[in-house]
Every structure is written in C-alpha cells, then in structure tokens.
N, C-alpha and C. Protein backbone atom coordinates (compact mmCIF):
# COMPACT_ATOMS: atom_id res chain seq x y z
N MET A 1 5.21 -9.75 34.02
CA MET A 1 6.03 -9.01 33.04
C MET A 1 5.79 -9.55 31.64
N ARG A 2 5.81 -10.88 31.50
CA ARG A 2 5.64 -11.48 30.19
C ARG A 2 4.22 -11.23 29.68
N GLU A 3 3.23 -11.24 30.57
CA GLU A 3 1.86 -10.99 30.17
C GLU A 3 1.67 -9.56 29.68
N ALA A 4 2.36 -8.62 30.29
CA ALA A 4 2.26 -7.22 29.86
C ALA A 4 2.82 -7.05 28.45
N THR A 5 3.89 -7.75 28.13
CA THR A 5 4.47 -7.70 26.79
C THR A 5 3.50 -8.29 25.78
N TRP A 6 2.86 -9.39 26.16
CA TRP A 6 1.92 -10.03 25.28
C TRP A 6 0.74 -9.10 25.00
N ARG A 7 0.23 -8.44 26.04
CA ARG A 7 -0.90 -7.53 25.86
C ARG A 7 -0.52 -6.32 25.01
N ALA A 8 0.69 -5.81 25.17
CA ALA A 8 1.14 -4.69 24.35
C ALA A 8 1.21 -5.10 22.89
N GLY A 9 1.71 -6.30 22.63
CA GLY A 9 1.77 -6.81 21.26
C GLY A 9 0.39 -7.00 20.67
N LEU A 10 -0.55 -7.44 21.48
CA LEU A 10 -1.92 -7.61 21.01
C LEU A 10 -2.55 -6.26 20.69
N GLY A 11 -2.21 -5.24 21.47
CA GLY A 11 -2.71 -3.89 21.18
C GLY A 11 -2.19 -3.37 19.87
N GLU A 12 -0.91 -3.61 19.58
CA GLU A 12 -0.33 -3.18 18.31
C GLU A 12 -0.98 -3.92 17.14
N PHE A 13 -1.25 -5.20 17.35
CA PHE A 13 -1.90 -6.00 16.31
C PHE A 13 -3.31 -5.49 16.04
N SER A 14 -4.04 -5.17 17.10
CA SER A 14 -5.40 -4.65 16.91
C SER A 14 -5.37 -3.28 16.23
N ASP A 15 -4.38 -2.45 16.54
CA ASP A 15 -4.24 -1.17 15.84
C ASP A 15 -3.99 -1.38 14.35
N CYS A 16 -3.19 -2.38 14.04
CA CYS A 16 -2.89 -2.69 12.64
C CYS A 16 -4.16 -3.13 11.90
N LEU A 17 -4.96 -3.98 12.55
CA LEU A 17 -6.20 -4.43 11.92
C LEU A 17 -7.22 -3.31 11.80
N LEU A 18 -7.30 -2.44 12.82
CA LEU A 18 -8.19 -1.29 12.74
C LEU A 18 -7.77 -0.36 11.61
N ALA A 19 -6.48 -0.15 11.45
CA ALA A 19 -5.99 0.67 10.33
C ALA A 19 -6.40 0.04 9.00
N GLY A 20 -6.32 -1.28 8.90
CA GLY A 20 -6.75 -1.96 7.68
C GLY A 20 -8.23 -1.77 7.40
N LEU A 21 -9.04 -1.82 8.46
CA LEU A 21 -10.48 -1.60 8.29
C LEU A 21 -10.76 -0.16 7.85
N LEU A 22 -10.06 0.79 8.43
CA LEU A 22 -10.25 2.19 8.05
C LEU A 22 -9.80 2.43 6.61
N VAL A 23 -8.70 1.82 6.20
CA VAL A 23 -8.24 1.95 4.81
C VAL A 23 -9.28 1.36 3.87
N ALA A 24 -9.86 0.22 4.24
CA ALA A 24 -10.88 -0.40 3.38
C ALA A 24 -12.10 0.49 3.25
N VAL A 25 -12.54 1.08 4.35
CA VAL A 25 -13.71 1.96 4.31
C VAL A 25 -13.41 3.20 3.46
N ALA A 26 -12.24 3.78 3.65
CA ALA A 26 -11.88 4.99 2.90
C ALA A 26 -11.62 4.70 1.43
N SER A 27 -11.38 3.45 1.09
CA SER A 27 -11.07 3.08 -0.30
C SER A 27 -12.29 2.64 -1.09
N VAL A 28 -13.48 2.78 -0.52
CA VAL A 28 -14.67 2.33 -1.24
C VAL A 28 -14.77 3.00 -2.61
N PRO A 29 -14.66 4.34 -2.72
CA PRO A 29 -14.49 4.87 -4.07
C PRO A 29 -13.04 4.60 -4.47
N VAL A 30 -12.83 3.79 -5.43
CA VAL A 30 -11.51 3.24 -5.73
C VAL A 30 -10.42 4.29 -5.85
N VAL A 31 -10.74 5.46 -6.36
CA VAL A 31 -9.71 6.48 -6.57
C VAL A 31 -9.19 7.06 -5.25
N THR A 32 -9.83 6.77 -4.12
CA THR A 32 -9.36 7.26 -2.84
C THR A 32 -8.48 6.24 -2.12
N ALA A 33 -8.11 5.17 -2.81
CA ALA A 33 -7.28 4.14 -2.18
C ALA A 33 -5.89 4.67 -1.82
N ALA A 34 -5.32 5.52 -2.64
CA ALA A 34 -3.97 6.04 -2.36
C ALA A 34 -3.95 6.92 -1.11
N PRO A 35 -4.84 7.91 -0.96
CA PRO A 35 -4.80 8.67 0.29
C PRO A 35 -5.16 7.82 1.50
N ALA A 36 -6.01 6.81 1.30
CA ALA A 36 -6.34 5.91 2.41
C ALA A 36 -5.11 5.11 2.83
N LEU A 37 -4.33 4.66 1.86
CA LEU A 37 -3.12 3.91 2.18
C LEU A 37 -2.08 4.80 2.87
N VAL A 38 -1.99 6.05 2.46
CA VAL A 38 -1.09 7.00 3.12
C VAL A 38 -1.50 7.18 4.57
N ALA A 39 -2.80 7.40 4.79
CA ALA A 39 -3.28 7.58 6.16
C ALA A 39 -3.07 6.30 6.99
N GLY A 40 -3.24 5.15 6.35
CA GLY A 40 -2.98 3.89 7.04
C GLY A 40 -1.52 3.73 7.43
N CYS A 41 -0.61 4.10 6.53
CA CYS A 41 0.82 4.04 6.84
C CYS A 41 1.17 4.97 7.99
N ARG A 42 0.60 6.17 7.99
CA ARG A 42 0.86 7.10 9.09
C ARG A 42 0.32 6.55 10.41
N ALA A 43 -0.87 5.96 10.36
CA ALA A 43 -1.48 5.42 11.58
C ALA A 43 -0.66 4.26 12.13
N VAL A 44 -0.20 3.39 11.25
CA VAL A 44 0.59 2.23 11.70
C VAL A 44 1.94 2.71 12.25
N GLU A 45 2.54 3.68 11.59
CA GLU A 45 3.83 4.20 12.07
C GLU A 45 3.67 4.84 13.45
N ARG A 46 2.59 5.61 13.64
CA ARG A 46 2.35 6.21 14.96
C ARG A 46 2.09 5.13 16.01
N ALA A 47 1.34 4.11 15.65
CA ALA A 47 1.05 3.03 16.59
C ALA A 47 2.33 2.28 16.95
N ARG A 48 3.21 2.09 15.98
CA ARG A 48 4.49 1.41 16.25
C ARG A 48 5.34 2.20 17.23
N ARG A 49 5.31 3.50 17.11
CA ARG A 49 6.13 4.36 17.97
C ARG A 49 5.41 4.77 19.24
N GLY A 50 4.12 4.45 19.34
CA GLY A 50 3.36 4.81 20.54
C GLY A 50 3.11 6.30 20.65
N VAL A 51 2.93 6.97 19.52
CA VAL A 51 2.76 8.43 19.49
C VAL A 51 1.36 8.73 18.94
N GLY A 52 0.79 9.83 19.38
CA GLY A 52 -0.43 10.33 18.77
C GLY A 52 -1.68 10.00 19.55
N GLY A 53 -2.77 10.51 19.02
CA GLY A 53 -4.07 10.33 19.65
C GLY A 53 -4.74 9.05 19.19
N PRO A 54 -6.06 9.00 19.36
CA PRO A 54 -6.81 7.80 18.95
C PRO A 54 -6.67 7.55 17.45
N LEU A 55 -6.51 6.31 17.10
CA LEU A 55 -6.28 5.92 15.71
C LEU A 55 -7.40 6.40 14.80
N TRP A 56 -8.62 6.32 15.26
CA TRP A 56 -9.78 6.68 14.44
C TRP A 56 -9.71 8.14 13.99
N THR A 57 -9.47 9.03 14.92
CA THR A 57 -9.48 10.46 14.57
C THR A 57 -8.23 10.88 13.79
N THR A 58 -7.08 10.35 14.17
CA THR A 58 -5.86 10.72 13.44
C THR A 58 -5.88 10.18 12.02
N PHE A 59 -6.48 9.01 11.82
CA PHE A 59 -6.57 8.45 10.47
C PHE A 59 -7.35 9.39 9.56
N TRP A 60 -8.52 9.84 10.01
CA TRP A 60 -9.35 10.68 9.16
C TRP A 60 -8.72 12.05 8.93
N ALA A 61 -8.01 12.56 9.92
CA ALA A 61 -7.31 13.83 9.73
C ALA A 61 -6.21 13.68 8.69
N ASP A 62 -5.46 12.58 8.76
CA ASP A 62 -4.41 12.32 7.76
C ASP A 62 -5.02 12.11 6.37
N PHE A 63 -6.13 11.40 6.32
CA PHE A 63 -6.80 11.14 5.04
C PHE A 63 -7.20 12.45 4.37
N ARG A 64 -7.79 13.36 5.14
CA ARG A 64 -8.21 14.65 4.57
C ARG A 64 -7.01 15.48 4.13
N SER A 65 -5.89 15.35 4.84
CA SER A 65 -4.73 16.19 4.50
C SER A 65 -4.08 15.79 3.17
N VAL A 66 -4.20 14.55 2.75
CA VAL A 66 -3.57 14.10 1.50
C VAL A 66 -4.59 13.77 0.42
N PHE A 67 -5.83 14.13 0.66
CA PHE A 67 -6.91 13.70 -0.24
C PHE A 67 -6.76 14.23 -1.66
N ARG A 68 -6.52 15.52 -1.80
CA ARG A 68 -6.53 16.14 -3.14
C ARG A 68 -5.49 15.52 -4.07
N GLY A 69 -4.25 15.53 -3.68
CA GLY A 69 -3.21 14.94 -4.54
C GLY A 69 -3.35 13.43 -4.65
N GLY A 70 -3.86 12.82 -3.61
CA GLY A 70 -4.02 11.37 -3.62
C GLY A 70 -5.07 10.89 -4.60
N VAL A 71 -6.12 11.67 -4.77
CA VAL A 71 -7.15 11.28 -5.74
C VAL A 71 -6.59 11.35 -7.16
N LEU A 72 -5.79 12.35 -7.46
CA LEU A 72 -5.16 12.42 -8.78
C LEU A 72 -4.21 11.25 -9.00
N PHE A 73 -3.44 10.91 -7.96
CA PHE A 73 -2.56 9.75 -8.05
C PHE A 73 -3.39 8.47 -8.23
N GLY A 74 -4.50 8.37 -7.51
CA GLY A 74 -5.39 7.21 -7.63
C GLY A 74 -5.98 7.08 -9.02
N LEU A 75 -6.37 8.22 -9.61
CA LEU A 75 -6.87 8.20 -10.99
C LEU A 75 -5.80 7.69 -11.95
N GLY A 76 -4.55 8.12 -11.73
CA GLY A 76 -3.45 7.63 -12.55
C GLY A 76 -3.24 6.13 -12.39
N CYS A 77 -3.39 5.65 -11.17
CA CYS A 77 -3.25 4.20 -10.93
C CYS A 77 -4.37 3.42 -11.60
N VAL A 78 -5.60 3.93 -11.54
CA VAL A 78 -6.72 3.27 -12.20
C VAL A 78 -6.50 3.25 -13.71
N ALA A 79 -6.00 4.36 -14.25
CA ALA A 79 -5.69 4.40 -15.68
C ALA A 79 -4.62 3.38 -16.04
N ALA A 80 -3.61 3.23 -15.18
CA ALA A 80 -2.56 2.24 -15.44
C ALA A 80 -3.12 0.82 -15.40
N VAL A 81 -4.03 0.55 -14.49
CA VAL A 81 -4.66 -0.77 -14.42
C VAL A 81 -5.44 -1.06 -15.70
N VAL A 82 -6.16 -0.06 -16.19
CA VAL A 82 -6.92 -0.24 -17.43
C VAL A 82 -5.98 -0.52 -18.60
N VAL A 83 -4.89 0.23 -18.66
CA VAL A 83 -3.91 0.01 -19.74
C VAL A 83 -3.31 -1.39 -19.66
N PHE A 84 -2.94 -1.84 -18.46
CA PHE A 84 -2.39 -3.19 -18.32
C PHE A 84 -3.42 -4.25 -18.69
N ALA A 85 -4.68 -4.05 -18.32
CA ALA A 85 -5.72 -5.02 -18.66
C ALA A 85 -5.91 -5.10 -20.17
N VAL A 86 -5.93 -3.96 -20.83
CA VAL A 86 -6.06 -3.95 -22.29
C VAL A 86 -4.84 -4.60 -22.93
N ASP A 87 -3.66 -4.29 -22.43
CA ASP A 87 -2.44 -4.90 -22.96
C ASP A 87 -2.45 -6.42 -22.80
N LEU A 88 -2.94 -6.90 -21.67
CA LEU A 88 -3.02 -8.35 -21.48
C LEU A 88 -3.99 -9.00 -22.46
N GLU A 89 -5.11 -8.33 -22.72
CA GLU A 89 -6.07 -8.85 -23.69
C GLU A 89 -5.47 -8.88 -25.09
N VAL A 90 -4.81 -7.80 -25.47
CA VAL A 90 -4.20 -7.73 -26.79
C VAL A 90 -3.05 -8.73 -26.90
N ALA A 91 -2.28 -8.87 -25.83
CA ALA A 91 -1.14 -9.79 -25.86
C ALA A 91 -1.59 -11.23 -26.03
N GLY A 92 -2.79 -11.56 -25.57
CA GLY A 92 -3.28 -12.93 -25.72
C GLY A 92 -3.54 -13.32 -27.15
N SER A 93 -3.81 -12.36 -27.99
CA SER A 93 -4.11 -12.65 -29.39
C SER A 93 -2.88 -12.55 -30.30
N LEU A 94 -1.77 -12.11 -29.78
CA LEU A 94 -0.57 -11.96 -30.59
C LEU A 94 0.28 -13.22 -30.55
N PRO A 95 1.06 -13.44 -31.62
CA PRO A 95 2.03 -14.54 -31.54
C PRO A 95 3.10 -14.17 -30.50
N GLY A 96 3.51 -15.13 -29.74
CA GLY A 96 4.49 -14.88 -28.70
C GLY A 96 3.85 -14.44 -27.39
N ALA A 97 2.57 -14.73 -27.22
CA ALA A 97 1.86 -14.33 -25.99
C ALA A 97 2.46 -15.00 -24.77
N GLY A 98 3.05 -16.16 -24.95
CA GLY A 98 3.68 -16.86 -23.83
C GLY A 98 4.85 -16.09 -23.24
N LEU A 99 5.46 -15.22 -24.01
CA LEU A 99 6.56 -14.39 -23.53
C LEU A 99 6.08 -13.02 -23.08
N VAL A 100 5.11 -12.46 -23.78
CA VAL A 100 4.66 -11.10 -23.48
C VAL A 100 3.87 -11.05 -22.18
N ARG A 101 3.02 -12.02 -21.92
CA ARG A 101 2.19 -12.00 -20.71
C ARG A 101 3.01 -12.00 -19.42
N PRO A 102 4.02 -12.86 -19.29
CA PRO A 102 4.82 -12.79 -18.05
C PRO A 102 5.56 -11.47 -17.90
N VAL A 103 6.02 -10.90 -19.00
CA VAL A 103 6.70 -9.61 -18.93
C VAL A 103 5.73 -8.53 -18.46
N LEU A 104 4.52 -8.54 -19.00
CA LEU A 104 3.51 -7.59 -18.54
C LEU A 104 3.15 -7.82 -17.08
N GLY A 105 3.13 -9.07 -16.65
CA GLY A 105 2.85 -9.37 -15.25
C GLY A 105 3.93 -8.82 -14.33
N VAL A 106 5.18 -8.96 -14.73
CA VAL A 106 6.28 -8.42 -13.93
C VAL A 106 6.22 -6.89 -13.90
N LEU A 107 5.94 -6.28 -15.04
CA LEU A 107 5.81 -4.82 -15.08
C LEU A 107 4.65 -4.35 -14.20
N ALA A 108 3.55 -5.07 -14.20
CA ALA A 108 2.42 -4.71 -13.34
C ALA A 108 2.80 -4.85 -11.88
N GLY A 109 3.54 -5.90 -11.55
CA GLY A 109 4.00 -6.06 -10.16
C GLY A 109 4.92 -4.94 -9.72
N VAL A 110 5.82 -4.54 -10.58
CA VAL A 110 6.71 -3.42 -10.26
C VAL A 110 5.91 -2.13 -10.10
N ALA A 111 4.91 -1.94 -10.94
CA ALA A 111 4.07 -0.74 -10.84
C ALA A 111 3.30 -0.71 -9.52
N VAL A 112 2.81 -1.86 -9.07
CA VAL A 112 2.08 -1.91 -7.79
C VAL A 112 3.03 -1.63 -6.64
N VAL A 113 4.22 -2.21 -6.67
CA VAL A 113 5.21 -1.93 -5.62
C VAL A 113 5.57 -0.45 -5.61
N LEU A 114 5.74 0.11 -6.78
CA LEU A 114 6.05 1.54 -6.88
C LEU A 114 4.92 2.40 -6.32
N ALA A 115 3.68 2.02 -6.59
CA ALA A 115 2.54 2.79 -6.07
C ALA A 115 2.46 2.71 -4.55
N VAL A 116 2.64 1.52 -4.00
CA VAL A 116 2.59 1.38 -2.54
C VAL A 116 3.77 2.10 -1.89
N ARG A 117 4.94 2.01 -2.49
CA ARG A 117 6.11 2.71 -1.94
C ARG A 117 5.90 4.23 -2.02
N THR A 118 5.27 4.71 -3.09
CA THR A 118 4.96 6.13 -3.19
C THR A 118 4.06 6.56 -2.05
N CYS A 119 3.04 5.78 -1.76
CA CYS A 119 2.13 6.10 -0.65
C CYS A 119 2.90 6.10 0.67
N GLU A 120 3.83 5.20 0.84
CA GLU A 120 4.64 5.17 2.07
C GLU A 120 5.53 6.41 2.15
N PHE A 121 6.07 6.86 1.03
CA PHE A 121 6.89 8.07 1.03
C PHE A 121 6.05 9.30 1.36
N VAL A 122 4.86 9.39 0.80
CA VAL A 122 3.98 10.52 1.10
C VAL A 122 3.59 10.51 2.57
N SER A 123 3.48 9.33 3.16
CA SER A 123 3.08 9.24 4.57
C SER A 123 4.09 9.87 5.51
N SER A 124 5.33 10.02 5.04
CA SER A 124 6.33 10.69 5.88
C SER A 124 6.04 12.18 5.98
N GLY A 125 5.25 12.70 5.05
CA GLY A 125 4.80 14.09 5.09
C GLY A 125 5.76 15.09 4.49
N ALA A 126 6.92 14.66 4.05
CA ALA A 126 7.92 15.60 3.56
C ALA A 126 7.84 15.85 2.06
N LEU A 127 7.17 14.97 1.32
CA LEU A 127 7.21 15.04 -0.13
C LEU A 127 5.83 15.19 -0.73
N SER A 128 5.77 15.87 -1.88
CA SER A 128 4.53 15.92 -2.65
C SER A 128 4.37 14.58 -3.37
N TRP A 129 3.22 14.37 -3.99
CA TRP A 129 2.99 13.10 -4.68
C TRP A 129 3.96 12.91 -5.84
N HIS A 130 4.24 13.96 -6.59
CA HIS A 130 5.16 13.85 -7.72
C HIS A 130 6.57 13.51 -7.25
N ARG A 131 7.04 14.24 -6.26
CA ARG A 131 8.40 13.97 -5.74
C ARG A 131 8.47 12.62 -5.05
N ALA A 132 7.40 12.23 -4.39
CA ALA A 132 7.38 10.93 -3.73
C ALA A 132 7.45 9.79 -4.76
N THR A 133 6.78 9.99 -5.90
CA THR A 133 6.85 8.97 -6.96
C THR A 133 8.27 8.82 -7.48
N LEU A 134 8.94 9.94 -7.70
CA LEU A 134 10.33 9.88 -8.16
C LEU A 134 11.24 9.26 -7.10
N ALA A 135 11.06 9.65 -5.85
CA ALA A 135 11.87 9.09 -4.76
C ALA A 135 11.59 7.60 -4.60
N ALA A 136 10.35 7.19 -4.77
CA ALA A 136 10.01 5.77 -4.65
C ALA A 136 10.65 4.97 -5.78
N ALA A 137 10.68 5.53 -6.98
CA ALA A 137 11.33 4.84 -8.10
C ALA A 137 12.83 4.67 -7.83
N ARG A 138 13.46 5.73 -7.30
CA ARG A 138 14.89 5.61 -6.95
C ARG A 138 15.10 4.58 -5.85
N GLU A 139 14.21 4.57 -4.87
CA GLU A 139 14.33 3.63 -3.75
C GLU A 139 14.16 2.18 -4.22
N VAL A 140 13.19 1.94 -5.09
CA VAL A 140 12.96 0.59 -5.61
C VAL A 140 14.18 0.13 -6.41
N ALA A 141 14.77 1.04 -7.20
CA ALA A 141 15.95 0.67 -7.99
C ALA A 141 17.18 0.47 -7.11
N ALA A 142 17.31 1.29 -6.07
CA ALA A 142 18.50 1.22 -5.22
C ALA A 142 18.44 0.08 -4.20
N SER A 143 17.24 -0.32 -3.82
CA SER A 143 17.09 -1.35 -2.80
C SER A 143 16.13 -2.44 -3.27
N PRO A 144 16.61 -3.31 -4.17
CA PRO A 144 15.71 -4.34 -4.70
C PRO A 144 15.28 -5.34 -3.62
N GLY A 145 16.06 -5.50 -2.58
CA GLY A 145 15.67 -6.41 -1.49
C GLY A 145 14.43 -5.93 -0.77
N SER A 146 14.39 -4.65 -0.45
CA SER A 146 13.20 -4.07 0.19
C SER A 146 12.01 -4.13 -0.75
N ALA A 147 12.25 -3.87 -2.02
CA ALA A 147 11.16 -3.94 -3.00
C ALA A 147 10.63 -5.36 -3.12
N ALA A 148 11.52 -6.34 -3.07
CA ALA A 148 11.09 -7.74 -3.14
C ALA A 148 10.27 -8.13 -1.90
N LEU A 149 10.69 -7.64 -0.73
CA LEU A 149 9.91 -7.91 0.48
C LEU A 149 8.53 -7.27 0.39
N LEU A 150 8.46 -6.05 -0.10
CA LEU A 150 7.17 -5.39 -0.26
C LEU A 150 6.33 -6.11 -1.30
N ALA A 151 6.95 -6.56 -2.39
CA ALA A 151 6.22 -7.32 -3.41
C ALA A 151 5.68 -8.63 -2.82
N ALA A 152 6.46 -9.27 -1.96
CA ALA A 152 5.99 -10.49 -1.31
C ALA A 152 4.80 -10.20 -0.40
N ALA A 153 4.84 -9.08 0.31
CA ALA A 153 3.72 -8.71 1.18
C ALA A 153 2.47 -8.40 0.35
N ILE A 154 2.65 -7.73 -0.78
CA ILE A 154 1.51 -7.43 -1.66
C ILE A 154 0.95 -8.73 -2.23
N GLY A 155 1.83 -9.60 -2.68
CA GLY A 155 1.39 -10.89 -3.22
C GLY A 155 0.67 -11.73 -2.18
N LEU A 156 1.20 -11.76 -0.96
CA LEU A 156 0.56 -12.51 0.11
C LEU A 156 -0.81 -11.91 0.44
N SER A 157 -0.91 -10.60 0.42
CA SER A 157 -2.20 -9.94 0.65
C SER A 157 -3.20 -10.34 -0.42
N ALA A 158 -2.75 -10.37 -1.66
CA ALA A 158 -3.64 -10.76 -2.76
C ALA A 158 -4.08 -12.22 -2.62
N VAL A 159 -3.17 -13.09 -2.25
CA VAL A 159 -3.52 -14.50 -2.07
C VAL A 159 -4.50 -14.67 -0.92
N LEU A 160 -4.28 -13.96 0.18
CA LEU A 160 -5.19 -14.05 1.31
C LEU A 160 -6.59 -13.60 0.94
N VAL A 161 -6.69 -12.51 0.20
CA VAL A 161 -8.01 -12.02 -0.22
C VAL A 161 -8.64 -12.97 -1.22
N TRP A 162 -7.84 -13.56 -2.08
CA TRP A 162 -8.36 -14.53 -3.03
C TRP A 162 -8.89 -15.77 -2.30
N MET A 163 -8.17 -16.22 -1.29
CA MET A 163 -8.59 -17.42 -0.55
C MET A 163 -9.79 -17.16 0.35
N LEU A 164 -9.82 -15.99 0.98
CA LEU A 164 -10.89 -15.65 1.92
C LEU A 164 -11.26 -14.18 1.70
N PRO A 165 -12.19 -13.90 0.81
CA PRO A 165 -12.48 -12.51 0.42
C PRO A 165 -12.83 -11.57 1.57
N ILE A 166 -13.33 -12.07 2.68
CA ILE A 166 -13.68 -11.19 3.80
C ILE A 166 -12.43 -10.51 4.38
N LEU A 167 -11.25 -11.06 4.12
CA LEU A 167 -10.01 -10.45 4.60
C LEU A 167 -9.69 -9.15 3.87
N ALA A 168 -10.41 -8.86 2.80
CA ALA A 168 -10.20 -7.59 2.09
C ALA A 168 -10.46 -6.40 3.00
N PHE A 169 -11.24 -6.62 4.06
CA PHE A 169 -11.57 -5.53 4.97
C PHE A 169 -10.44 -5.19 5.94
N ILE A 170 -9.49 -6.11 6.13
CA ILE A 170 -8.43 -5.84 7.11
C ILE A 170 -7.02 -6.00 6.57
N VAL A 171 -6.86 -6.54 5.38
CA VAL A 171 -5.53 -6.86 4.88
C VAL A 171 -4.69 -5.61 4.60
N ALA A 172 -5.32 -4.47 4.43
CA ALA A 172 -4.57 -3.25 4.16
C ALA A 172 -3.73 -2.81 5.35
N GLY A 173 -4.16 -3.13 6.57
CA GLY A 173 -3.37 -2.77 7.75
C GLY A 173 -2.01 -3.45 7.78
N PRO A 174 -1.97 -4.79 7.67
CA PRO A 174 -0.67 -5.44 7.57
C PRO A 174 0.14 -5.01 6.35
N LEU A 175 -0.54 -4.67 5.25
CA LEU A 175 0.17 -4.17 4.08
C LEU A 175 0.81 -2.82 4.36
N CYS A 176 0.09 -1.95 5.08
CA CYS A 176 0.67 -0.66 5.49
C CYS A 176 1.87 -0.89 6.40
N LEU A 177 1.74 -1.85 7.32
CA LEU A 177 2.86 -2.17 8.21
C LEU A 177 4.07 -2.66 7.40
N ALA A 178 3.83 -3.50 6.41
CA ALA A 178 4.93 -3.98 5.56
C ALA A 178 5.57 -2.84 4.80
N ALA A 179 4.77 -1.92 4.29
CA ALA A 179 5.33 -0.77 3.56
C ALA A 179 6.18 0.09 4.46
N VAL A 180 5.70 0.33 5.68
CA VAL A 180 6.47 1.16 6.63
C VAL A 180 7.74 0.42 7.08
N ALA A 181 7.60 -0.87 7.33
CA ALA A 181 8.75 -1.64 7.83
C ALA A 181 9.85 -1.80 6.79
N THR A 182 9.49 -1.87 5.51
CA THR A 182 10.50 -2.03 4.46
C THR A 182 10.96 -0.70 3.89
N GLY A 183 10.43 0.39 4.44
CA GLY A 183 10.73 1.72 3.90
C GLY A 183 12.14 2.19 4.14
N GLY A 184 12.83 1.68 5.12
CA GLY A 184 14.21 2.06 5.35
C GLY A 184 14.38 3.30 6.20
N ARG A 185 13.29 3.97 6.56
CA ARG A 185 13.41 5.16 7.41
C ARG A 185 13.01 4.89 8.85
N SER A 186 12.63 3.67 9.17
CA SER A 186 12.18 3.39 10.54
C SER A 186 13.32 3.00 11.45
C-alpha cells in the first residue's frame, strides 16, 4: 500500500517535470512563454486531478488554443522587461539611485507575479487575456499571502537556474504547480 502511494507521487512529480520541459521547448521564441505557461498550468492541474489524456498531446492542444492572445501578452511582457532594464540603467546615473533601484526591483517583482498569475487565470479557460490580467491584479491585491508564496516560488526558480543553468529546462513545471496551488481555485 505504501509503495503504491510512493509510485503515484513519483508519477505526479514526473508529470510536473515533463510539463516544465514542454514549457521550456514552447518558450524558445520568448514571446510564446505566456501561452506555454498557460498550457503548463493546465497540464499540471489535470495531472493533479488525474484527468485527461497524455500530457504531451494535451499540452500542445492547450498551447495552440491560447497562442494568439498569449503572444500579444508575451510581447507586452517583453516590452515591460525592456522598460524596466532601461529604467534601471537610468536610475544608476541619478542621485538617489540607492533608493530608486530597490523600488524598481520590487515593482519588477510584482509585475512578474502579476504576469504568472495572469497565465494561471487564463489556464482556467474562463477569461480572456485582458480580463485575466484585471482579475489577477485584483487577486494579488486581495490575497498578498498567495502573491508572496508565488513570488517566493518565482524567486526560488530564478535562484535554481542561476545556480545550475540546466534546470532552466524543467523549472517551469514546478513553477506552474506553484501558480496553480496558490491560485485559490483548487
């Protein structure tokens, strides 16, 4: 009995890592990272509930279903990253950079949490990208504890990739799991 539980847990873990690998492959063109994360969240949620077909095929079907709006959202995220990078460069040359840089860092962290939460909201399938962004902003403001847990998961993912870059190929799966688990609808 105990061995069967262990094997079931190992199967869920392998599904999570496979979802991370699929998200990494689908995110090669950077602007497709958002639809890939949505498909990863859907795959992890299905695996958690034991519903659906093979992870490989359902992932790609989900990816195609959210591709169009997700690419526009991804372009917006890339534009936001460029703006934050330019702001950090400009802030370094201004007086008071010691205060401005941490504020920009916190704003960037909130923006990343908001983007991941938006992808998790879209993964539920009920909302468009625009409405999901608004709902995610309300959720982050209403539940700072969940947002802090998601921020910790994002930060831990970044540290893991920084320490061992090969983990970039699988870290998105546990990140999708963290987004789904802190979403409040499970």
